Amino acid sequence: ESHNRLLDRMGNDMDSSRGVLSGTV
């Protein structure tokens, strides 16, 4: 359960980073 929560947070962080990076590009 703790690993699943960690992976969910990492996925959300990657999605937000992808949005920022695409805006910069």
PDB file of all heavy atoms in Angstrom:
ATOM      1  N   GLU A   1       0.830  -1.206   0.000  1.00  0.00           N
ATOM      2  CA  GLU A   1       0.000   0.000   0.000  1.00  0.00           C
ATOM      3  C   GLU A   1       0.865   1.258   0.000  1.00  0.00           C
ATOM      4  O   GLU A   1       0.589   2.212  -0.732  1.00  0.00           O
ATOM      5  CB  GLU A   1      -0.938   0.008   1.215  1.00  0.00           C
ATOM      6  CG  GLU A   1      -2.051  -1.008   1.145  1.00  0.00           C
ATOM      7  CD  GLU A   1      -3.035  -0.723   0.047  1.00  0.00           C
ATOM      8  OE1 GLU A   1      -3.352   0.462  -0.196  1.00  0.00           O
ATOM      9  OE2 GLU A   1      -3.482  -1.691  -0.604  1.00  0.00           O
ATOM     10  N   SER A   2       1.922   1.274   0.805  1.00  0.00           N
ATOM     11  CA  SER A   2       2.778   2.467   0.844  1.00  0.00           C
ATOM     12  C   SER A   2       3.504   2.654  -0.485  1.00  0.00           C
ATOM     13  O   SER A   2       3.658   3.781  -0.957  1.00  0.00           O
ATOM     14  CB  SER A   2       3.780   2.378   1.998  1.00  0.00           C
ATOM     15  OG  SER A   2       4.745   1.383   1.766  1.00  0.00           O
ATOM     16  N   HIS A   3       3.927   1.556  -1.112  1.00  0.00           N
ATOM     17  CA  HIS A   3       4.578   1.675  -2.420  1.00  0.00           C
ATOM     18  C   HIS A   3       3.596   2.164  -3.481  1.00  0.00           C
ATOM     19  O   HIS A   3       3.971   2.943  -4.363  1.00  0.00           O
ATOM     20  CB  HIS A   3       5.204   0.348  -2.838  1.00  0.00           C
ATOM     21  CG  HIS A   3       6.491   0.058  -2.151  1.00  0.00           C
ATOM     22  ND1 HIS A   3       6.735  -1.123  -1.497  1.00  0.00           N
ATOM     23  CD2 HIS A   3       7.611   0.794  -2.006  1.00  0.00           C
ATOM     24  CE1 HIS A   3       7.940  -1.096  -0.982  1.00  0.00           C
ATOM     25  NE2 HIS A   3       8.496   0.057  -1.276  1.00  0.00           N
ATOM     26  N   ASN A   4       2.360   1.702  -3.415  1.00  0.00           N
ATOM     27  CA  ASN A   4       1.352   2.177  -4.378  1.00  0.00           C
ATOM     28  C   ASN A   4       1.098   3.669  -4.225  1.00  0.00           C
ATOM     29  O   ASN A   4       0.966   4.393  -5.216  1.00  0.00           O
ATOM     30  CB  ASN A   4       0.050   1.397  -4.215  1.00  0.00           C
ATOM     31  CG  ASN A   4       0.109   0.034  -4.848  1.00  0.00           C
ATOM     32  OD1 ASN A   4       0.929  -0.224  -5.714  1.00  0.00           O
ATOM     33  ND2 ASN A   4      -0.756  -0.858  -4.396  1.00  0.00           N
ATOM     34  N   ARG A   5       1.018   4.147  -2.965  1.00  0.00           N
ATOM     35  CA  ARG A   5       0.834   5.591  -2.751  1.00  0.00           C
ATOM     36  C   ARG A   5       2.028   6.366  -3.302  1.00  0.00           C
ATOM     37  O   ARG A   5       1.859   7.412  -3.938  1.00  0.00           O
ATOM     38  CB  ARG A   5       0.650   5.879  -1.258  1.00  0.00           C
ATOM     39  CG  ARG A   5      -0.724   5.506  -0.735  1.00  0.00           C
ATOM     40  CD  ARG A   5      -0.954   6.031   0.668  1.00  0.00           C
ATOM     41  NE  ARG A   5       0.002   5.525   1.639  1.00  0.00           N
ATOM     42  CZ  ARG A   5      -0.128   4.396   2.333  1.00  0.00           C
ATOM     43  NH1 ARG A   5      -1.201   3.653   2.154  1.00  0.00           N
ATOM     44  NH2 ARG A   5       0.787   4.033   3.209  1.00  0.00           N
ATOM     45  N   LEU A   6       3.230   5.864  -3.061  1.00  0.00           N
ATOM     46  CA  LEU A   6       4.435   6.523  -3.571  1.00  0.00           C
ATOM     47  C   LEU A   6       4.427   6.582  -5.092  1.00  0.00           C
ATOM     48  O   LEU A   6       4.734   7.624  -5.684  1.00  0.00           O
ATOM     49  CB  LEU A   6       5.682   5.799  -3.073  1.00  0.00           C
ATOM     50  CG  LEU A   6       7.020   6.314  -3.579  1.00  0.00           C
ATOM     51  CD1 LEU A   6       7.315   7.685  -2.994  1.00  0.00           C
ATOM     52  CD2 LEU A   6       8.129   5.340  -3.211  1.00  0.00           C
ATOM     53  N   LEU A   7       4.061   5.476  -5.724  1.00  0.00           N
ATOM     54  CA  LEU A   7       4.017   5.442  -7.195  1.00  0.00           C
ATOM     55  C   LEU A   7       2.944   6.384  -7.736  1.00  0.00           C
ATOM     56  O   LEU A   7       3.160   7.034  -8.778  1.00  0.00           O
ATOM     57  CB  LEU A   7       3.772   4.013  -7.681  1.00  0.00           C
ATOM     58  CG  LEU A   7       4.950   3.067  -7.520  1.00  0.00           C
ATOM     59  CD1 LEU A   7       4.529   1.641  -7.856  1.00  0.00           C
ATOM     60  CD2 LEU A   7       6.127   3.496  -8.377  1.00  0.00           C
ATOM     61  N   ASP A   8       1.806   6.475  -7.058  1.00  0.00           N
ATOM     62  CA  ASP A   8       0.765   7.414  -7.495  1.00  0.00           C
ATOM     63  C   ASP A   8       1.261   8.852  -7.422  1.00  0.00           C
ATOM     64  O   ASP A   8       1.035   9.648  -8.341  1.00  0.00           O
ATOM     65  CB  ASP A   8      -0.494   7.261  -6.636  1.00  0.00           C
ATOM     66  CG  ASP A   8      -1.262   5.989  -6.950  1.00  0.00           C
ATOM     67  OD1 ASP A   8      -1.034   5.423  -8.046  1.00  0.00           O
ATOM     68  OD2 ASP A   8      -2.079   5.575  -6.101  1.00  0.00           O
ATOM     69  N   ARG A   9       1.934   9.203  -6.313  1.00  0.00           N
ATOM     70  CA  ARG A   9       2.468  10.565  -6.190  1.00  0.00           C
ATOM     71  C   ARG A   9       3.517  10.836  -7.268  1.00  0.00           C
ATOM     72  O   ARG A   9       3.550  11.918  -7.856  1.00  0.00           O
ATOM     73  CB  ARG A   9       3.092  10.768  -4.800  1.00  0.00           C
ATOM     74  CG  ARG A   9       2.071  10.975  -3.715  1.00  0.00           C
ATOM     75  CD  ARG A   9       2.709  11.499  -2.438  1.00  0.00           C
ATOM     76  NE  ARG A   9       3.806  10.681  -1.960  1.00  0.00           N
ATOM     77  CZ  ARG A   9       3.723   9.747  -1.018  1.00  0.00           C
ATOM     78  NH1 ARG A   9       2.563   9.515  -0.447  1.00  0.00           N
ATOM     79  NH2 ARG A   9       4.786   9.064  -0.646  1.00  0.00           N
ATOM     80  N   MET A  10       4.364   9.852  -7.534  1.00  0.00           N
ATOM     81  CA  MET A  10       5.392  10.038  -8.580  1.00  0.00           C
ATOM     82  C   MET A  10       4.740  10.222  -9.942  1.00  0.00           C
ATOM     83  O   MET A  10       5.187  11.047 -10.743  1.00  0.00           O
ATOM     84  CB  MET A  10       6.341   8.837  -8.611  1.00  0.00           C
ATOM     85  CG  MET A  10       7.326   8.824  -7.469  1.00  0.00           C
ATOM     86  SD  MET A  10       8.398   7.370  -7.464  1.00  0.00           S
ATOM     87  CE  MET A  10       9.170   7.485  -9.043  1.00  0.00           C
ATOM     88  N   GLY A  11       3.682   9.463 -10.217  1.00  0.00           N
ATOM     89  CA  GLY A  11       2.984   9.611 -11.487  1.00  0.00           C
ATOM     90  C   GLY A  11       2.365  10.986 -11.633  1.00  0.00           C
ATOM     91  O   GLY A  11       2.443  11.606 -12.709  1.00  0.00           O
ATOM     92  N   ASN A  12       1.777  11.477 -10.553  1.00  0.00           N
ATOM     93  CA  ASN A  12       1.185  12.824 -10.594  1.00  0.00           C
ATOM     94  C   ASN A  12       2.258  13.885 -10.789  1.00  0.00           C
ATOM     95  O   ASN A  12       2.070  14.847 -11.545  1.00  0.00           O
ATOM     96  CB  ASN A  12       0.404  13.105  -9.314  1.00  0.00           C
ATOM     97  CG  ASN A  12      -0.838  12.245  -9.197  1.00  0.00           C
ATOM     98  OD1 ASN A  12      -1.344  11.737 -10.196  1.00  0.00           O
ATOM     99  ND2 ASN A  12      -1.310  12.057  -7.982  1.00  0.00           N
ATOM    100  N   ASP A  13       3.392  13.735 -10.107  1.00  0.00           N
ATOM    101  CA  ASP A  13       4.493  14.686 -10.272  1.00  0.00           C
ATOM    102  C   ASP A  13       5.032  14.658 -11.701  1.00  0.00           C
ATOM    103  O   ASP A  13       5.365  15.706 -12.272  1.00  0.00           O
ATOM    104  CB  ASP A  13       5.626  14.378  -9.290  1.00  0.00           C
ATOM    105  CG  ASP A  13       5.248  14.681  -7.850  1.00  0.00           C
ATOM    106  OD1 ASP A  13       4.243  15.389  -7.640  1.00  0.00           O
ATOM    107  OD2 ASP A  13       5.969  14.203  -6.949  1.00  0.00           O
ATOM    108  N   MET A  14       5.128  13.468 -12.285  1.00  0.00           N
ATOM    109  CA  MET A  14       5.617  13.369 -13.666  1.00  0.00           C
ATOM    110  C   MET A  14       4.639  14.034 -14.628  1.00  0.00           C
ATOM    111  O   MET A  14       5.066  14.695 -15.584  1.00  0.00           O
ATOM    112  CB  MET A  14       5.821  11.896 -14.055  1.00  0.00           C
ATOM    113  CG  MET A  14       6.958  11.225 -13.323  1.00  0.00           C
ATOM    114  SD  MET A  14       8.540  11.967 -13.681  1.00  0.00           S
ATOM    115  CE  MET A  14       8.852  11.295 -15.280  1.00  0.00           C
ATOM    116  N   ASP A  15       3.345  13.878 -14.392  1.00  0.00           N
ATOM    117  CA  ASP A  15       2.348  14.531 -15.249  1.00  0.00           C
ATOM    118  C   ASP A  15       2.455  16.047 -15.170  1.00  0.00           C
ATOM    119  O   ASP A  15       2.407  16.736 -16.200  1.00  0.00           O
ATOM    120  CB  ASP A  15       0.935  14.090 -14.854  1.00  0.00           C
ATOM    121  CG  ASP A  15       0.644  12.657 -15.253  1.00  0.00           C
ATOM    122  OD1 ASP A  15       1.362  12.127 -16.127  1.00  0.00           O
ATOM    123  OD2 ASP A  15      -0.301  12.067 -14.681  1.00  0.00           O
ATOM    124  N   SER A  16       2.628  16.577 -13.958  1.00  0.00           N
ATOM    125  CA  SER A  16       2.746  18.028 -13.829  1.00  0.00           C
ATOM    126  C   SER A  16       4.055  18.520 -14.448  1.00  0.00           C
ATOM    127  O   SER A  16       4.090  19.584 -15.085  1.00  0.00           O
ATOM    128  CB  SER A  16       2.656  18.453 -12.364  1.00  0.00           C
ATOM    129  OG  SER A  16       3.751  17.967 -11.627  1.00  0.00           O
ATOM    130  N   SER A  17       5.129  17.757 -14.308  1.00  0.00           N
ATOM    131  CA  SER A  17       6.404  18.145 -14.937  1.00  0.00           C
ATOM    132  C   SER A  17       6.292  18.129 -16.455  1.00  0.00           C
ATOM    133  O   SER A  17       6.843  18.992 -17.139  1.00  0.00           O
ATOM    134  CB  SER A  17       7.520  17.195 -14.506  1.00  0.00           C
ATOM    135  OG  SER A  17       7.719  17.251 -13.123  1.00  0.00           O
ATOM    136  N   ARG A  18       5.574  17.154 -16.964  1.00  0.00           N
ATOM    137  CA  ARG A  18       5.386  17.070 -18.413  1.00  0.00           C
ATOM    138  C   ARG A  18       4.629  18.289 -18.920  1.00  0.00           C
ATOM    139  O   ARG A  18       4.956  18.845 -19.964  1.00  0.00           O
ATOM    140  CB  ARG A  18       4.633  15.784 -18.755  1.00  0.00           C
ATOM    141  CG  ARG A  18       4.509  15.538 -20.250  1.00  0.00           C
ATOM    142  CD  ARG A  18       3.843  14.199 -20.559  1.00  0.00           C
ATOM    143  NE  ARG A  18       4.628  13.087 -20.064  1.00  0.00           N
ATOM    144  CZ  ARG A  18       4.157  12.152 -19.223  1.00  0.00           C
ATOM    145  NH1 ARG A  18       2.913  12.201 -18.805  1.00  0.00           N
ATOM    146  NH2 ARG A  18       4.921  11.163 -18.835  1.00  0.00           N
ATOM    147  N   GLY A  19       3.633  18.736 -18.154  1.00  0.00           N
ATOM    148  CA  GLY A  19       2.871  19.921 -18.553  1.00  0.00           C
ATOM    149  C   GLY A  19       3.738  21.168 -18.559  1.00  0.00           C
ATOM    150  O   GLY A  19       3.665  21.980 -19.491  1.00  0.00           O
ATOM    151  N   VAL A  20       4.569  21.342 -17.529  1.00  0.00           N
ATOM    152  CA  VAL A  20       5.455  22.507 -17.466  1.00  0.00           C
ATOM    153  C   VAL A  20       6.461  22.465 -18.601  1.00  0.00           C
ATOM    154  O   VAL A  20       6.729  23.480 -19.266  1.00  0.00           O
ATOM    155  CB  VAL A  20       6.169  22.558 -16.091  1.00  0.00           C
ATOM    156  CG1 VAL A  20       7.280  23.586 -16.095  1.00  0.00           C
ATOM    157  CG2 VAL A  20       5.177  22.842 -14.981  1.00  0.00           C
ATOM    158  N   LEU A  21       7.035  21.301 -18.851  1.00  0.00           N
ATOM    159  CA  LEU A  21       8.047  21.168 -19.903  1.00  0.00           C
ATOM    160  C   LEU A  21       7.445  21.428 -21.285  1.00  0.00           C
ATOM    161  O   LEU A  21       8.071  22.093 -22.120  1.00  0.00           O
ATOM    162  CB  LEU A  21       8.670  19.774 -19.855  1.00  0.00           C
ATOM    163  CG  LEU A  21       9.843  19.524 -20.776  1.00  0.00           C
ATOM    164  CD1 LEU A  21      10.987  20.479 -20.448  1.00  0.00           C
ATOM    165  CD2 LEU A  21      10.310  18.096 -20.645  1.00  0.00           C
ATOM    166  N   SER A  22       6.253  20.946 -21.524  1.00  0.00           N
ATOM    167  CA  SER A  22       5.646  21.186 -22.848  1.00  0.00           C
ATOM    168  C   SER A  22       5.345  22.672 -23.028  1.00  0.00           C
ATOM    169  O   SER A  22       5.492  23.205 -24.129  1.00  0.00           O
ATOM    170  CB  SER A  22       4.384  20.347 -23.026  1.00  0.00           C
ATOM    171  OG  SER A  22       3.377  20.770 -22.132  1.00  0.00           O
ATOM    172  N   GLY A  23       4.948  23.356 -21.945  1.00  0.00           N
ATOM    173  CA  GLY A  23       4.722  24.805 -22.039  1.00  0.00           C
ATOM    174  C   GLY A  23       6.009  25.550 -22.351  1.00  0.00           C
ATOM    175  O   GLY A  23       6.025  26.492 -23.159  1.00  0.00           O
ATOM    176  N   THR A  24       7.106  25.132 -21.749  1.00  0.00           N
ATOM    177  CA  THR A  24       8.405  25.770 -22.006  1.00  0.00           C
ATOM    178  C   THR A  24       8.844  25.534 -23.447  1.00  0.00           C
ATOM    179  O   THR A  24       9.348  26.451 -24.114  1.00  0.00           O
ATOM    180  CB  THR A  24       9.457  25.216 -21.031  1.00  0.00           C
ATOM    181  OG1 THR A  24       8.994  25.408 -19.693  1.00  0.00           O
ATOM    182  CG2 THR A  24      10.792  25.890 -21.212  1.00  0.00           C
ATOM    183  N   VAL A  25       8.654  24.327 -23.927  1.00  0.00           N
ATOM    184  CA  VAL A  25       9.027  24.018 -25.312  1.00  0.00           C
ATOM    185  C   VAL A  25       8.187  24.846 -26.281  1.00  0.00           C
ATOM    186  O   VAL A  25       8.712  25.346 -27.293  1.00  0.00           O
ATOM    187  CB  VAL A  25       8.873  22.499 -25.579  1.00  0.00           C
ATOM    188  CG1 VAL A  25       8.970  22.184 -27.061  1.00  0.00           C
ATOM    189  CG2 VAL A  25       9.903  21.711 -24.797  1.00  0.00           C
TER     190      VAL A  25
END
